[in-house]
Amino acid sequence: MSKSFRDWHFDQTLLLPPSVADFVPAGHLVRFVVGLVRDELDLSAVYASYTGEKGQPPYHPAMMTALLLYAYTVGIYSSRRIARACAERVDFMMIVALDAPDFRTISDFRKRHLAALKGLFVQVLRLCARAGLVKLGHVALDGTKIAANASKHKAMSYARMVAREAELEAEVRRWLDQAEAADAEEDRLYGADKRGDELPDWVTDKAKRLARLRQAKAALEAEARAAAEEKARAEAAAEEARMAEGRGKPGKKAKPPSGKPAPKAQRNFTDPDSRILKSKDGFIQGYNAQAAVDATAQVIVAHGLTRSQSDQDQLTVLLDGIETNLGRRPNEASADAGYCSEANLRALHERGIAGYVAVARAKHPDKAKRKPLGPLTQAMHKKLKRAGRRSRYRLRKQVGEPVFGQIKQARGFRQFLLRGIDKVSAEWAILCTAHNLLKLARAA
């Protein structure tokens, strides 16, 4: 062979032990995340839960925090995948210093410190502000539907619950009666030391299923009663306001709410807090994740999460969240038609924020066909129409929507791992923190 090659020293050992800091090149993202966690972030809320000296010493909380944050920035969310990366990828090996935790330890740490990890969002956001990445000149509000850790096929409507409850109850009762009738015969066959009334496993399972079904049915009924009481209170307040203004009664009084769930009202047995939501890809069992994004560098300045299909109730939540996180309000805010209501437009005016909110779904907001009803909605429609394609509303698509694309497409987050609205809200906060970390790292 005429060509010579370098020797392949496959079995050769290193003369000196390597340093984990040399596993990745200078300027790598993992170095930035580790340095930020060690030198900048206040982890006192995480440390506070470690009080006793008994048992095996736990992994260092700063290391575990850096591991989770870095994993989220590179699109690895499952505890099993993170544990596998600690054994296969040098960037993860550097974080754990070749002392990799198993997947259960990672999962337990995330669950145990959800509230503390959620609080890191504000710390990272303020670091972004100090770095000049947040100006609050223009903020875009938007929401996206993300699947829950539950199948929509595990949901059941209230009407189906009522029918299925009767079916299961009759079936369980029939088998109990048969078991009791067979008691004497089984004693004769198997002797007095056997009870003779043992039930098949599948009958026990049906009894458990009946108990879960009744629990879900009771929860739906409680929600319906609470909604009916809230609606009655709102109607009473509106009636008092009309009488105080001297407008009198509007006509025939509406039928009072029944307080019973609608027949099509559904509840999921896997994650009861999640809901069936309509998304661009069809109907999903999931949550509605919200974000307010600053136009300077696409940094998320406030976040939220709801199980409602509508975005309307989230505008004031996000605006107040911005002020809570950064101590001041944005100059401008844009949002799509899902946030449009007289109350929301009034809230923008009261807060001194110049609003640009589409009044109806349309390719261009100035071409909206629906005739607005309220005076503030009419004024907003004229404002957008007057500015045309030059309206500041155009910033919404180039500011808010790309952030969801980066999270869902570039970093592959399509489904929450945790269940329950409190845990899912914290998981969404960690995702927003990871997004801002990437923006901060690229500006460093």
Protein backbone atom coordinates (compact mmCIF):
# COMPACT_ATOMS: atom_id res chain seq x y z
CA MET A 1 0.00 0.00 0.00
CA SER A 2 1.57 3.28 -1.12
CA LYS A 3 -0.38 5.59 1.17
CA SER A 4 0.65 5.80 4.83
CA PHE A 5 -1.73 6.62 7.68
CA ARG A 6 -1.51 7.83 11.22
CA ASP A 7 -1.30 5.12 13.83
CA TRP A 8 -4.61 4.17 15.41
CA HIS A 9 -3.82 3.93 19.12
CA PHE A 10 -7.09 2.29 20.08
CA ASP A 11 -5.81 0.55 23.25
CA GLN A 12 -3.33 3.17 24.40
CA THR A 13 -3.94 4.70 27.84
CA LEU A 14 -3.34 8.35 28.69
CA LEU A 15 -0.14 9.25 30.50
CA LEU A 16 -1.87 11.83 32.71
CA PRO A 17 -5.51 11.78 33.84
CA PRO A 18 -7.67 14.10 31.74
CA SER A 19 -9.57 17.08 33.13
CA VAL A 20 -13.29 17.18 32.47
CA ALA A 21 -12.93 20.86 31.64
CA ASP A 22 -10.95 19.81 28.55
CA PHE A 23 -13.77 17.64 27.20
CA VAL A 24 -15.34 20.54 25.30
CA PRO A 25 -13.72 23.49 23.50
CA ALA A 26 -13.64 27.02 24.84
CA GLY A 27 -16.79 28.96 24.07
CA HIS A 28 -19.03 25.88 24.19
CA LEU A 29 -22.57 26.40 25.50
CA VAL A 30 -22.04 23.93 28.35
CA ARG A 31 -19.22 26.06 29.77
CA PHE A 32 -21.52 29.08 29.78
CA VAL A 33 -24.36 27.25 31.55
CA VAL A 34 -22.07 25.76 34.22
CA GLY A 35 -20.42 29.13 34.85
CA LEU A 36 -23.79 30.87 35.08
CA VAL A 37 -25.16 28.36 37.59
CA ARG A 38 -22.02 28.44 39.74
CA ASP A 39 -21.37 32.19 39.73
CA GLU A 40 -24.61 34.06 38.94
CA LEU A 41 -27.72 32.17 40.00
CA ASP A 42 -29.03 32.17 43.57
CA LEU A 43 -29.86 28.55 44.40
CA SER A 44 -30.75 29.14 48.05
CA ALA A 45 -34.30 27.89 47.43
CA VAL A 46 -32.84 24.58 46.20
CA TYR A 47 -30.31 24.27 49.03
CA ALA A 48 -32.98 25.00 51.65
CA SER A 49 -34.56 21.56 51.32
CA TYR A 50 -31.31 19.77 52.29
CA THR A 51 -31.29 19.83 56.08
CA GLY A 52 -30.48 16.41 57.52
CA GLU A 53 -27.14 14.61 57.56
CA LYS A 54 -28.56 11.09 57.45
CA GLY A 55 -28.35 8.82 54.42
CA GLN A 56 -26.06 8.79 51.40
CA PRO A 57 -24.74 12.25 50.43
CA PRO A 58 -26.85 13.58 47.53
CA TYR A 59 -25.52 14.89 44.25
CA HIS A 60 -24.57 18.56 44.39
CA PRO A 61 -27.68 20.71 43.77
CA ALA A 62 -25.73 23.14 41.57
CA MET A 63 -24.55 20.27 39.37
CA MET A 64 -28.07 18.86 39.06
CA THR A 65 -29.47 22.31 38.25
CA ALA A 66 -26.83 22.89 35.57
CA LEU A 67 -27.51 19.43 34.15
CA LEU A 68 -31.25 20.07 33.82
CA LEU A 69 -30.88 23.58 32.39
CA TYR A 70 -28.29 22.49 29.84
CA ALA A 71 -30.38 19.48 28.82
CA TYR A 72 -33.37 21.75 28.16
CA THR A 73 -31.26 24.14 26.08
CA VAL A 74 -30.13 21.32 23.77
CA GLY A 75 -33.56 19.72 23.45
CA ILE A 76 -33.22 16.73 25.81
CA TYR A 77 -36.09 16.53 28.30
CA SER A 78 -36.61 12.91 29.36
CA SER A 79 -34.75 11.87 32.51
CA ARG A 80 -33.75 8.60 30.83
CA ARG A 81 -32.32 10.42 27.82
CA ILE A 82 -30.46 12.84 30.09
CA ALA A 83 -28.96 9.92 32.05
CA ARG A 84 -27.93 8.21 28.81
CA ALA A 85 -26.31 11.44 27.57
CA CYS A 86 -24.27 11.59 30.80
CA ALA A 87 -22.69 8.26 29.77
CA GLU A 88 -22.35 8.96 26.03
CA ARG A 89 -21.80 12.69 25.42
CA VAL A 90 -18.70 14.57 26.54
CA ASP A 91 -20.59 17.81 27.15
CA PHE A 92 -22.82 16.06 29.69
CA MET A 93 -19.82 14.18 31.12
CA MET A 94 -18.20 17.53 31.83
CA ILE A 95 -21.21 18.73 33.86
CA VAL A 96 -21.40 15.60 36.03
CA ALA A 97 -17.59 15.25 36.22
CA LEU A 98 -17.83 11.55 35.21
CA ASP A 99 -20.09 10.85 38.20
CA ALA A 100 -23.38 10.39 36.36
CA PRO A 101 -26.67 10.21 38.29
CA ASP A 102 -29.22 7.63 37.18
CA PHE A 103 -32.48 8.62 35.55
CA ARG A 104 -34.52 8.19 38.73
CA THR A 105 -32.29 10.64 40.60
CA ILE A 106 -32.70 13.19 37.80
CA SER A 107 -36.47 12.70 37.72
CA ASP A 108 -36.82 12.98 41.50
CA PHE A 109 -34.65 16.12 41.62
CA ARG A 110 -36.81 17.81 38.99
CA LYS A 111 -40.05 16.90 40.80
CA ARG A 112 -38.71 17.83 44.23
CA HIS A 113 -37.44 21.29 43.20
CA LEU A 114 -40.04 22.32 40.63
CA ALA A 115 -40.97 25.51 42.47
CA ALA A 116 -37.34 26.54 42.93
CA LEU A 117 -36.45 25.77 39.31
CA LYS A 118 -39.49 27.76 38.19
CA GLY A 119 -38.15 30.75 40.13
CA LEU A 120 -34.90 30.76 38.13
CA PHE A 121 -36.83 32.29 35.21
CA VAL A 122 -36.84 35.75 36.80
CA GLN A 123 -33.12 35.56 37.66
CA VAL A 124 -32.15 34.67 34.09
CA LEU A 125 -34.54 37.28 32.68
CA ARG A 126 -32.93 40.01 34.78
CA LEU A 127 -29.49 38.90 33.59
CA CYS A 128 -30.80 39.30 30.02
CA ALA A 129 -32.00 42.81 30.90
CA ARG A 130 -28.59 43.68 32.35
CA ALA A 131 -26.98 42.44 29.13
CA GLY A 132 -29.16 44.81 27.09
CA LEU A 133 -31.33 42.09 25.55
CA VAL A 134 -34.59 43.48 26.98
CA LYS A 135 -35.76 47.02 26.20
CA LEU A 136 -39.56 46.67 26.62
CA GLY A 137 -40.10 48.93 23.63
CA HIS A 138 -42.42 46.42 21.99
CA VAL A 139 -43.70 43.16 23.45
CA ALA A 140 -45.67 40.53 21.52
CA LEU A 141 -48.15 38.28 23.33
CA ASP A 142 -49.00 34.86 21.95
CA GLY A 143 -50.07 31.37 22.94
CA THR A 144 -49.48 27.87 21.63
CA LYS A 145 -51.16 24.55 22.31
CA ILE A 146 -48.83 21.82 23.67
CA ALA A 147 -49.89 18.23 24.23
CA ALA A 148 -50.27 16.96 27.78
CA ASN A 149 -48.76 13.73 29.05
CA ALA A 150 -52.11 12.03 28.44
CA SER A 151 -54.02 10.55 25.55
CA LYS A 152 -57.24 12.19 24.43
CA HIS A 153 -58.65 8.67 24.11
CA LYS A 154 -58.43 8.38 27.91
CA ALA A 155 -61.07 11.09 28.29
CA MET A 156 -64.78 10.40 28.78
CA SER A 157 -67.79 12.69 28.42
CA TYR A 158 -70.20 13.26 31.31
CA ALA A 159 -73.05 11.57 29.42
CA ARG A 160 -70.90 8.52 28.78
CA MET A 161 -69.84 8.49 32.45
CA VAL A 162 -73.46 8.31 33.58
CA ALA A 163 -74.23 5.41 31.21
CA ARG A 164 -70.98 3.57 31.93
CA GLU A 165 -71.42 3.97 35.70
CA ALA A 166 -74.75 2.13 35.53
CA GLU A 167 -73.25 -0.60 33.34
CA LEU A 168 -70.26 -1.20 35.61
CA GLU A 169 -72.36 -1.07 38.76
CA ALA A 170 -74.78 -3.67 37.40
CA GLU A 171 -71.94 -5.90 36.20
CA VAL A 172 -70.07 -5.78 39.50
CA ARG A 173 -73.29 -6.39 41.44
CA ARG A 174 -74.13 -9.39 39.25
CA TRP A 175 -70.77 -11.01 39.85
CA LEU A 176 -70.97 -10.32 43.58
CA ASP A 177 -74.37 -12.00 43.69
CA GLN A 178 -73.05 -14.99 41.75
CA ALA A 179 -70.08 -15.29 44.07
CA GLU A 180 -72.33 -15.24 47.12
CA ALA A 181 -74.67 -17.84 45.60
CA ALA A 182 -71.73 -20.12 44.83
CA ASP A 183 -70.35 -19.87 48.38
CA ALA A 184 -71.98 -23.07 49.69
CA GLU A 185 -70.99 -25.08 46.61
CA GLU A 186 -67.33 -23.93 46.86
CA ASP A 187 -67.24 -24.85 50.55
CA ARG A 188 -68.37 -28.34 49.62
CA LEU A 189 -65.81 -28.62 46.82
CA TYR A 190 -62.77 -26.94 48.40
CA GLY A 191 -63.33 -27.35 52.16
CA ALA A 192 -64.07 -25.01 55.03
CA ASP A 193 -60.57 -23.44 55.01
CA LYS A 194 -61.37 -21.64 51.72
CA ARG A 195 -63.65 -18.63 51.79
CA GLY A 196 -65.34 -19.57 48.54
CA ASP A 197 -66.19 -15.94 47.74
CA GLU A 198 -62.93 -14.94 46.02
CA LEU A 199 -63.59 -12.74 43.01
CA PRO A 200 -61.78 -12.89 39.67
CA ASP A 201 -59.09 -10.21 39.18
CA TRP A 202 -60.99 -8.62 36.35
CA VAL A 203 -64.02 -8.06 38.61
CA THR A 204 -61.82 -6.21 41.10
CA ASP A 205 -60.42 -4.11 38.27
CA LYS A 206 -63.93 -3.16 37.17
CA ALA A 207 -64.73 -2.15 40.74
CA LYS A 208 -61.64 0.08 40.76
CA ARG A 209 -62.64 1.49 37.38
CA LEU A 210 -66.09 2.26 38.74
CA ALA A 211 -64.54 4.13 41.68
CA ARG A 212 -62.35 6.22 39.37
CA LEU A 213 -65.27 6.94 37.09
CA ARG A 214 -67.37 8.15 40.02
CA GLN A 215 -64.52 10.36 41.18
CA ALA A 216 -64.19 11.96 37.72
CA LYS A 217 -67.97 12.37 37.49
CA ALA A 218 -68.07 14.10 40.88
CA ALA A 219 -65.26 16.45 39.81
CA LEU A 220 -67.15 17.45 36.65
CA GLU A 221 -70.27 18.10 38.70
CA ALA A 222 -68.32 20.25 41.16
CA GLU A 223 -66.83 22.28 38.30
CA ALA A 224 -70.29 22.77 36.78
CA ARG A 225 -71.72 23.96 40.13
CA ALA A 226 -68.84 26.41 40.61
CA ALA A 227 -69.29 27.75 37.05
CA ALA A 228 -73.04 28.17 37.60
CA GLU A 229 -72.48 30.08 40.85
CA GLU A 230 -69.87 32.33 39.20
CA LYS A 231 -72.22 33.04 36.28
CA ALA A 232 -75.06 33.86 38.67
CA ARG A 233 -72.83 36.27 40.60
CA ALA A 234 -71.69 37.97 37.37
CA GLU A 235 -75.28 38.34 36.14
CA ALA A 236 -76.37 39.77 39.50
CA ALA A 237 -73.52 42.31 39.43
CA ALA A 238 -74.39 43.31 35.86
CA GLU A 239 -78.05 43.70 36.84
CA GLU A 240 -77.12 45.97 39.75
CA ALA A 241 -74.91 48.07 37.46
CA ARG A 242 -77.75 48.47 34.94
CA MET A 243 -80.20 49.52 37.65
CA ALA A 244 -77.68 51.98 39.12
CA GLU A 245 -77.25 53.59 35.71
CA GLY A 246 -81.02 53.79 35.28
CA ARG A 247 -81.09 51.57 32.21
CA GLY A 248 -83.67 49.17 33.63
CA LYS A 249 -83.96 45.51 32.83
CA PRO A 250 -82.90 44.35 29.34
CA GLY A 251 -85.93 42.16 28.69
CA LYS A 252 -86.70 38.52 29.32
CA LYS A 253 -84.53 37.13 32.04
CA ALA A 254 -82.17 34.36 31.01
CA LYS A 255 -82.75 30.87 32.30
CA PRO A 256 -80.60 30.27 35.40
CA PRO A 257 -77.71 27.80 34.93
CA SER A 258 -78.57 24.25 35.95
CA GLY A 259 -75.38 23.54 37.83
CA LYS A 260 -75.06 20.16 36.08
CA PRO A 261 -72.27 19.34 33.61
CA ALA A 262 -73.08 19.49 29.92
CA PRO A 263 -73.44 15.99 28.40
CA LYS A 264 -70.34 16.57 26.25
CA ALA A 265 -68.18 17.91 29.11
CA GLN A 266 -65.07 15.69 29.29
CA ARG A 267 -62.51 14.72 31.90
CA ASN A 268 -59.25 12.87 31.29
CA PHE A 269 -58.38 10.00 33.63
CA THR A 270 -54.60 10.30 33.07
CA ASP A 271 -54.24 14.06 33.55
CA PRO A 272 -57.55 15.49 34.80
CA ASP A 273 -56.27 19.10 34.57
CA SER A 274 -55.64 18.88 30.81
CA ARG A 275 -58.33 19.64 28.25
CA ILE A 276 -59.24 18.82 24.65
CA LEU A 277 -57.93 21.82 22.70
CA LYS A 278 -58.09 22.71 19.03
CA SER A 279 -54.68 23.31 17.47
CA LYS A 280 -53.32 23.76 13.96
CA ASP A 281 -52.71 19.99 13.84
CA GLY A 282 -56.23 19.07 14.98
CA PHE A 283 -57.58 18.33 18.44
CA ILE A 284 -55.12 17.46 21.19
CA GLN A 285 -55.27 16.68 24.89
CA GLY A 286 -53.12 19.46 26.24
CA TYR A 287 -52.56 22.92 27.66
CA ASN A 288 -52.42 26.46 26.30
CA ALA A 289 -48.90 27.83 26.93
CA GLN A 290 -48.51 31.62 26.95
CA ALA A 291 -45.50 33.90 26.48
CA ALA A 292 -44.77 37.62 26.24
CA VAL A 293 -41.69 38.20 24.05
CA ASP A 294 -39.54 41.33 23.89
CA ALA A 295 -38.78 42.54 20.38
CA THR A 296 -35.11 43.36 21.02
CA ALA A 297 -33.74 39.80 21.08
CA GLN A 298 -36.83 37.56 21.34
CA VAL A 299 -36.37 37.13 25.09
CA ILE A 300 -39.43 35.82 26.96
CA VAL A 301 -40.29 38.45 29.58
CA ALA A 302 -43.38 36.75 31.06
CA HIS A 303 -45.00 33.36 30.76
CA GLY A 304 -48.22 31.64 31.74
CA LEU A 305 -50.20 28.48 31.20
CA THR A 306 -53.92 27.78 31.09
CA ARG A 307 -56.13 24.84 30.23
CA SER A 308 -58.60 27.08 28.39
CA GLN A 309 -58.87 27.17 24.60
CA SER A 310 -59.21 30.96 24.70
CA ASP A 311 -56.29 33.38 25.17
CA GLN A 312 -58.54 36.24 26.26
CA ASP A 313 -58.01 35.93 30.01
CA GLN A 314 -54.23 35.87 29.67
CA LEU A 315 -53.49 39.38 28.39
CA THR A 316 -53.62 41.11 31.76
CA VAL A 317 -51.83 38.15 33.39
CA LEU A 318 -48.89 38.52 30.99
CA LEU A 319 -48.77 42.32 31.21
CA ASP A 320 -48.79 42.26 35.01
CA GLY A 321 -46.21 39.46 34.91
CA ILE A 322 -43.84 41.69 32.92
CA GLU A 323 -44.13 44.43 35.54
CA THR A 324 -43.60 41.93 38.37
CA ASN A 325 -40.53 40.41 36.72
CA LEU A 326 -38.82 43.60 35.55
CA GLY A 327 -40.38 46.38 37.61
CA ARG A 328 -41.77 48.33 34.65
CA ARG A 329 -44.27 48.07 31.83
CA PRO A 330 -43.63 47.84 28.09
CA ASN A 331 -44.28 50.84 25.86
CA GLU A 332 -46.16 48.80 23.24
CA ALA A 333 -47.88 45.43 23.10
CA SER A 334 -49.24 43.47 20.16
CA ALA A 335 -51.52 40.43 20.19
CA ASP A 336 -53.72 38.46 17.82
CA ALA A 337 -57.52 38.38 17.73
CA GLY A 338 -57.67 35.76 20.49
CA TYR A 339 -56.81 38.47 23.04
CA CYS A 340 -59.29 41.08 21.77
CA SER A 341 -62.06 42.20 24.12
CA GLU A 342 -63.32 45.49 25.49
CA ALA A 343 -61.93 44.61 28.92
CA ASN A 344 -58.45 43.85 27.54
CA LEU A 345 -58.31 47.01 25.43
CA ARG A 346 -59.36 48.99 28.50
CA ALA A 347 -56.62 47.28 30.53
CA LEU A 348 -54.00 48.35 27.97
CA HIS A 349 -55.25 51.95 28.15
CA GLU A 350 -55.28 51.98 31.96
CA ARG A 351 -51.69 50.72 32.07
CA GLY A 352 -50.51 53.35 29.58
CA ILE A 353 -49.45 50.73 27.00
CA ALA A 354 -49.94 51.42 23.30
CA GLY A 355 -51.86 48.36 22.11
CA TYR A 356 -52.04 46.76 18.67
CA VAL A 357 -54.60 43.97 18.87
CA ALA A 358 -56.33 42.36 15.89
CA VAL A 359 -60.12 42.57 16.23
CA ALA A 360 -60.87 39.50 14.10
CA ARG A 361 -59.06 36.69 12.31
CA ALA A 362 -57.68 37.90 8.97
CA LYS A 363 -54.46 37.61 6.97
CA HIS A 364 -53.98 41.35 7.48
CA PRO A 365 -55.61 42.95 10.56
CA ASP A 366 -56.72 46.03 8.64
CA LYS A 367 -58.80 43.75 6.36
CA ALA A 368 -60.85 42.16 9.17
CA LYS A 369 -64.44 41.60 7.98
CA ARG A 370 -66.28 41.31 11.31
CA LYS A 371 -67.88 44.55 12.41
CA PRO A 372 -66.59 45.36 15.90
CA LEU A 373 -69.25 45.99 18.53
CA GLY A 374 -67.66 47.84 21.47
CA PRO A 375 -66.31 51.41 21.19
CA LEU A 376 -62.75 50.42 22.12
CA THR A 377 -62.81 47.56 19.61
CA GLN A 378 -64.07 49.96 16.91
CA ALA A 379 -61.30 52.41 17.76
CA MET A 380 -58.68 49.65 17.55
CA HIS A 381 -60.06 48.54 14.18
CA LYS A 382 -59.75 52.10 12.84
CA LYS A 383 -56.24 52.41 14.28
CA LEU A 384 -55.01 49.28 12.52
CA LYS A 385 -56.81 50.16 9.29
CA ARG A 386 -55.38 53.67 9.27
CA ALA A 387 -51.80 52.41 9.60
CA GLY A 388 -52.32 49.56 7.14
CA ARG A 389 -49.28 47.39 6.46
CA ARG A 390 -47.09 49.87 8.37
CA SER A 391 -48.91 49.17 11.63
CA ARG A 392 -46.78 48.12 14.59
CA TYR A 393 -48.97 45.04 14.71
CA ARG A 394 -46.75 43.55 12.01
CA LEU A 395 -44.07 42.98 14.67
CA ARG A 396 -46.21 40.33 16.35
CA LYS A 397 -45.46 37.59 13.83
CA GLN A 398 -41.72 38.27 13.69
CA VAL A 399 -41.35 38.54 17.48
CA GLY A 400 -43.69 36.09 19.18
CA GLU A 401 -44.27 33.23 16.77
CA PRO A 402 -40.58 32.42 16.08
CA VAL A 403 -40.07 31.73 19.79
CA PHE A 404 -42.62 28.91 19.73
CA GLY A 405 -40.98 27.61 16.56
CA GLN A 406 -37.60 27.51 18.28
CA ILE A 407 -39.01 25.68 21.32
CA LYS A 408 -41.26 23.21 19.48
CA GLN A 409 -39.43 22.64 16.20
CA ALA A 410 -35.74 23.48 16.73
CA ARG A 411 -35.54 22.00 20.24
CA GLY A 412 -38.24 19.39 19.71
CA PHE A 413 -40.52 20.04 22.68
CA ARG A 414 -43.93 18.73 21.62
CA GLN A 415 -45.36 17.22 24.82
CA PHE A 416 -45.14 17.97 28.51
CA LEU A 417 -43.54 15.27 30.66
CA LEU A 418 -45.30 16.09 33.93
CA ARG A 419 -49.00 15.96 34.83
CA GLY A 420 -51.22 18.41 36.67
CA ILE A 421 -51.48 22.12 35.93
CA ASP A 422 -49.11 23.17 38.75
CA LYS A 423 -46.32 20.83 37.61
CA VAL A 424 -46.88 21.61 33.93
CA SER A 425 -46.75 25.36 34.68
CA ALA A 426 -43.36 24.85 36.34
CA GLU A 427 -42.15 22.76 33.40
CA TRP A 428 -43.17 25.54 31.00
CA ALA A 429 -41.24 28.03 33.17
CA ILE A 430 -38.10 25.86 32.89
CA LEU A 431 -38.53 25.77 29.11
CA CYS A 432 -38.78 29.57 29.00
CA THR A 433 -35.70 29.83 31.22
CA ALA A 434 -33.73 27.58 28.85
CA HIS A 435 -34.84 29.70 25.89
CA ASN A 436 -33.59 32.88 27.58
CA LEU A 437 -30.35 31.14 28.54
CA LEU A 438 -29.64 30.50 24.87
CA LYS A 439 -30.29 34.14 24.01
CA LEU A 440 -27.97 35.22 26.81
CA ALA A 441 -25.25 32.78 25.76
CA ARG A 442 -25.28 34.01 22.15
CA ALA A 443 -24.96 37.61 23.30
CA ALA A 444 -22.09 36.88 25.69
